[in-house]
Amino acid sequence: MNALQSIMLSCSKATEYLNLREENALNRKQSLQLKMHLLACKTCKAYETQSETIKKMFGVFKSEAQKENEPLKESIKTNIEKL
């Protein structure tokens, strides 16, 4: 195995590393391998972009849902305090 083969990832491994990166679970070598792969692979770069978009959309949705539930939380708190 040459040096380049030891650095380059398969697309399957790259998507696994993208998910691990979200959990801050990549070491330096893995991070470098992922960066190299993303520079060379448009498909995995698109996957990364889509994943980030979905994460942002979910964060907005979660934030909005929490705002909508605030009155409910207060009424539950009030009912508990009455007990």
N, C-alpha and C. Protein backbone atom coordinates (compact mmCIF):
# COMPACT_ATOMS: atom_id res chain seq x y z
N MET A 1 0.86 -1.18 0.00
CA MET A 1 0.00 0.00 0.00
C MET A 1 0.90 1.24 0.00
N ASN A 2 0.65 2.14 -0.94
CA ASN A 2 1.46 3.35 -0.96
C ASN A 2 0.91 4.41 -0.01
N ALA A 3 1.65 5.48 0.15
CA ALA A 3 1.28 6.53 1.12
C ALA A 3 -0.07 7.15 0.80
N LEU A 4 -0.35 7.37 -0.49
CA LEU A 4 -1.62 7.99 -0.88
C LEU A 4 -2.80 7.09 -0.54
N GLN A 5 -2.66 5.81 -0.77
CA GLN A 5 -3.74 4.87 -0.45
C GLN A 5 -4.01 4.82 1.05
N SER A 6 -2.99 5.00 1.85
CA SER A 6 -3.19 4.97 3.30
C SER A 6 -3.88 6.23 3.80
N ILE A 7 -3.84 7.30 3.00
CA ILE A 7 -4.48 8.55 3.40
C ILE A 7 -5.90 8.66 2.87
N MET A 8 -6.13 8.23 1.63
CA MET A 8 -7.43 8.40 0.99
C MET A 8 -8.47 7.44 1.58
N LEU A 9 -9.66 7.95 1.72
CA LEU A 9 -10.77 7.18 2.27
C LEU A 9 -11.72 6.74 1.16
N SER A 10 -12.48 5.69 1.43
CA SER A 10 -13.59 5.35 0.56
C SER A 10 -14.74 6.30 0.88
N CYS A 11 -15.71 6.39 0.00
CA CYS A 11 -16.87 7.26 0.27
C CYS A 11 -17.64 6.77 1.50
N SER A 12 -17.71 5.48 1.66
CA SER A 12 -18.40 4.92 2.82
C SER A 12 -17.73 5.36 4.12
N LYS A 13 -16.41 5.28 4.15
CA LYS A 13 -15.67 5.69 5.34
C LYS A 13 -15.78 7.20 5.54
N ALA A 14 -15.77 7.96 4.44
CA ALA A 14 -15.87 9.41 4.54
C ALA A 14 -17.21 9.82 5.17
N THR A 15 -18.30 9.18 4.77
CA THR A 15 -19.60 9.52 5.37
C THR A 15 -19.63 9.13 6.84
N GLU A 16 -18.99 8.02 7.16
CA GLU A 16 -18.88 7.63 8.57
C GLU A 16 -18.11 8.71 9.36
N TYR A 17 -17.02 9.19 8.79
CA TYR A 17 -16.21 10.23 9.44
C TYR A 17 -16.98 11.54 9.55
N LEU A 18 -17.80 11.86 8.54
CA LEU A 18 -18.61 13.07 8.63
C LEU A 18 -19.55 13.01 9.82
N ASN A 19 -20.14 11.85 10.04
CA ASN A 19 -21.03 11.67 11.19
C ASN A 19 -20.26 11.72 12.50
N LEU A 20 -19.09 11.12 12.52
CA LEU A 20 -18.27 11.16 13.74
C LEU A 20 -17.78 12.58 14.04
N ARG A 21 -17.53 13.34 12.99
CA ARG A 21 -17.07 14.72 13.18
C ARG A 21 -18.13 15.54 13.92
N GLU A 22 -19.39 15.26 13.68
CA GLU A 22 -20.48 15.95 14.38
C GLU A 22 -20.38 15.73 15.89
N GLU A 23 -19.84 14.60 16.28
CA GLU A 23 -19.70 14.26 17.70
C GLU A 23 -18.31 14.59 18.23
N ASN A 24 -17.51 15.31 17.42
CA ASN A 24 -16.12 15.64 17.77
C ASN A 24 -15.33 14.39 18.14
N ALA A 25 -15.53 13.33 17.35
CA ALA A 25 -14.90 12.05 17.66
C ALA A 25 -13.83 11.64 16.64
N LEU A 26 -13.26 12.62 15.93
CA LEU A 26 -12.21 12.31 14.96
C LEU A 26 -10.84 12.71 15.52
N ASN A 27 -9.86 11.84 15.27
CA ASN A 27 -8.50 12.23 15.63
C ASN A 27 -7.89 13.02 14.47
N ARG A 28 -6.67 13.48 14.62
CA ARG A 28 -6.05 14.32 13.60
C ARG A 28 -5.91 13.61 12.26
N LYS A 29 -5.50 12.36 12.29
CA LYS A 29 -5.34 11.59 11.04
C LYS A 29 -6.68 11.46 10.32
N GLN A 30 -7.72 11.11 11.06
CA GLN A 30 -9.04 10.95 10.46
C GLN A 30 -9.54 12.27 9.88
N SER A 31 -9.31 13.34 10.62
CA SER A 31 -9.73 14.65 10.15
C SER A 31 -9.02 15.03 8.85
N LEU A 32 -7.72 14.77 8.78
CA LEU A 32 -6.95 15.05 7.57
C LEU A 32 -7.44 14.18 6.41
N GLN A 33 -7.67 12.90 6.69
CA GLN A 33 -8.17 12.00 5.65
C GLN A 33 -9.51 12.50 5.11
N LEU A 34 -10.38 12.95 5.99
CA LEU A 34 -11.68 13.44 5.57
C LEU A 34 -11.54 14.70 4.72
N LYS A 35 -10.70 15.62 5.15
CA LYS A 35 -10.49 16.84 4.37
C LYS A 35 -9.98 16.53 2.97
N MET A 36 -9.02 15.60 2.88
CA MET A 36 -8.47 15.21 1.58
C MET A 36 -9.55 14.59 0.70
N HIS A 37 -10.36 13.75 1.29
CA HIS A 37 -11.42 13.10 0.53
C HIS A 37 -12.43 14.12 0.02
N LEU A 38 -12.81 15.05 0.87
CA LEU A 38 -13.81 16.06 0.48
C LEU A 38 -13.29 16.98 -0.62
N LEU A 39 -11.99 17.19 -0.65
CA LEU A 39 -11.40 18.00 -1.73
C LEU A 39 -11.50 17.28 -3.08
N ALA A 40 -11.47 15.96 -3.04
CA ALA A 40 -11.44 15.18 -4.27
C ALA A 40 -12.81 14.64 -4.68
N CYS A 41 -13.75 14.56 -3.77
CA CYS A 41 -15.02 13.87 -4.05
C CYS A 41 -16.21 14.84 -3.96
N LYS A 42 -16.77 15.15 -5.10
CA LYS A 42 -17.91 16.08 -5.14
C LYS A 42 -19.15 15.47 -4.49
N THR A 43 -19.31 14.18 -4.61
CA THR A 43 -20.48 13.52 -4.04
C THR A 43 -20.48 13.61 -2.52
N CYS A 44 -19.36 13.33 -1.91
CA CYS A 44 -19.28 13.40 -0.45
C CYS A 44 -19.35 14.85 0.03
N LYS A 45 -18.82 15.77 -0.75
CA LYS A 45 -18.93 17.19 -0.41
C LYS A 45 -20.40 17.61 -0.42
N ALA A 46 -21.16 17.11 -1.41
CA ALA A 46 -22.60 17.41 -1.46
C ALA A 46 -23.31 16.80 -0.26
N TYR A 47 -22.92 15.58 0.12
CA TYR A 47 -23.49 14.94 1.30
C TYR A 47 -23.22 15.78 2.55
N GLU A 48 -22.00 16.29 2.67
CA GLU A 48 -21.65 17.14 3.80
C GLU A 48 -22.53 18.38 3.84
N THR A 49 -22.71 19.01 2.70
CA THR A 49 -23.54 20.22 2.61
C THR A 49 -24.98 19.92 2.98
N GLN A 50 -25.52 18.83 2.45
CA GLN A 50 -26.89 18.44 2.77
C GLN A 50 -27.05 18.14 4.25
N SER A 51 -26.09 17.45 4.83
CA SER A 51 -26.15 17.12 6.26
C SER A 51 -26.15 18.38 7.12
N GLU A 52 -25.31 19.35 6.75
CA GLU A 52 -25.27 20.61 7.49
C GLU A 52 -26.58 21.37 7.37
N THR A 53 -27.18 21.35 6.18
CA THR A 53 -28.46 22.03 5.97
C THR A 53 -29.55 21.39 6.81
N ILE A 54 -29.59 20.06 6.82
CA ILE A 54 -30.60 19.35 7.61
C ILE A 54 -30.41 19.64 9.10
N LYS A 55 -29.16 19.66 9.54
CA LYS A 55 -28.88 19.95 10.96
C LYS A 55 -29.37 21.34 11.33
N LYS A 56 -29.11 22.32 10.46
CA LYS A 56 -29.57 23.69 10.72
C LYS A 56 -31.10 23.75 10.74
N MET A 57 -31.74 23.09 9.77
CA MET A 57 -33.21 23.10 9.70
C MET A 57 -33.80 22.45 10.94
N PHE A 58 -33.22 21.35 11.39
CA PHE A 58 -33.71 20.68 12.58
C PHE A 58 -33.54 21.56 13.80
N GLY A 59 -32.42 22.29 13.86
CA GLY A 59 -32.19 23.20 14.98
C GLY A 59 -33.23 24.29 15.04
N VAL A 60 -33.60 24.84 13.88
CA VAL A 60 -34.63 25.88 13.82
C VAL A 60 -35.97 25.28 14.23
N PHE A 61 -36.28 24.10 13.71
CA PHE A 61 -37.54 23.44 14.05
C PHE A 61 -37.62 23.15 15.55
N LYS A 62 -36.52 22.64 16.10
CA LYS A 62 -36.48 22.33 17.52
C LYS A 62 -36.67 23.60 18.35
N SER A 63 -36.02 24.68 17.93
CA SER A 63 -36.13 25.95 18.64
C SER A 63 -37.56 26.47 18.61
N GLU A 64 -38.19 26.39 17.45
CA GLU A 64 -39.58 26.84 17.32
C GLU A 64 -40.52 25.98 18.16
N ALA A 65 -40.29 24.68 18.16
CA ALA A 65 -41.13 23.78 18.95
C ALA A 65 -41.00 24.08 20.44
N GLN A 66 -39.80 24.40 20.87
CA GLN A 66 -39.59 24.74 22.28
C GLN A 66 -40.32 26.02 22.64
N LYS A 67 -40.31 27.00 21.74
CA LYS A 67 -41.01 28.26 22.00
C LYS A 67 -42.51 28.02 22.12
N GLU A 68 -43.04 27.16 21.26
CA GLU A 68 -44.47 26.87 21.29
C GLU A 68 -44.88 26.15 22.56
N ASN A 69 -43.96 25.38 23.14
CA ASN A 69 -44.27 24.60 24.33
C ASN A 69 -44.05 25.37 25.63
N GLU A 70 -43.51 26.57 25.58
CA GLU A 70 -43.25 27.35 26.79
C GLU A 70 -44.52 27.57 27.62
N PRO A 71 -45.64 27.98 27.02
CA PRO A 71 -46.85 28.15 27.85
C PRO A 71 -47.29 26.84 28.50
N LEU A 72 -47.12 25.74 27.77
CA LEU A 72 -47.47 24.44 28.32
C LEU A 72 -46.58 24.10 29.51
N LYS A 73 -45.29 24.38 29.39
CA LYS A 73 -44.38 24.11 30.50
C LYS A 73 -44.76 24.93 31.73
N GLU A 74 -45.13 26.18 31.52
CA GLU A 74 -45.52 27.04 32.64
C GLU A 74 -46.79 26.52 33.31
N SER A 75 -47.75 26.06 32.50
CA SER A 75 -48.99 25.54 33.10
C SER A 75 -48.72 24.25 33.87
N ILE A 76 -47.83 23.42 33.38
CA ILE A 76 -47.47 22.20 34.11
C ILE A 76 -46.79 22.56 35.42
N LYS A 77 -45.89 23.53 35.36
CA LYS A 77 -45.19 23.97 36.56
C LYS A 77 -46.19 24.52 37.58
N THR A 78 -47.12 25.30 37.12
CA THR A 78 -48.14 25.87 38.01
C THR A 78 -48.97 24.77 38.66
N ASN A 79 -49.38 23.78 37.86
CA ASN A 79 -50.17 22.66 38.39
C ASN A 79 -49.40 21.84 39.41
N ILE A 80 -48.11 21.67 39.17
CA ILE A 80 -47.28 20.93 40.13
C ILE A 80 -47.16 21.71 41.43
N GLU A 81 -46.98 23.02 41.32
CA GLU A 81 -46.85 23.85 42.51
C GLU A 81 -48.13 23.83 43.34
N LYS A 82 -49.29 23.68 42.70
CA LYS A 82 -50.57 23.62 43.41
C LYS A 82 -50.69 22.35 44.24
N LEU A 83 -50.00 21.29 43.80
CA LEU A 83 -50.08 20.03 44.53
C LEU A 83 -49.37 20.19 45.84
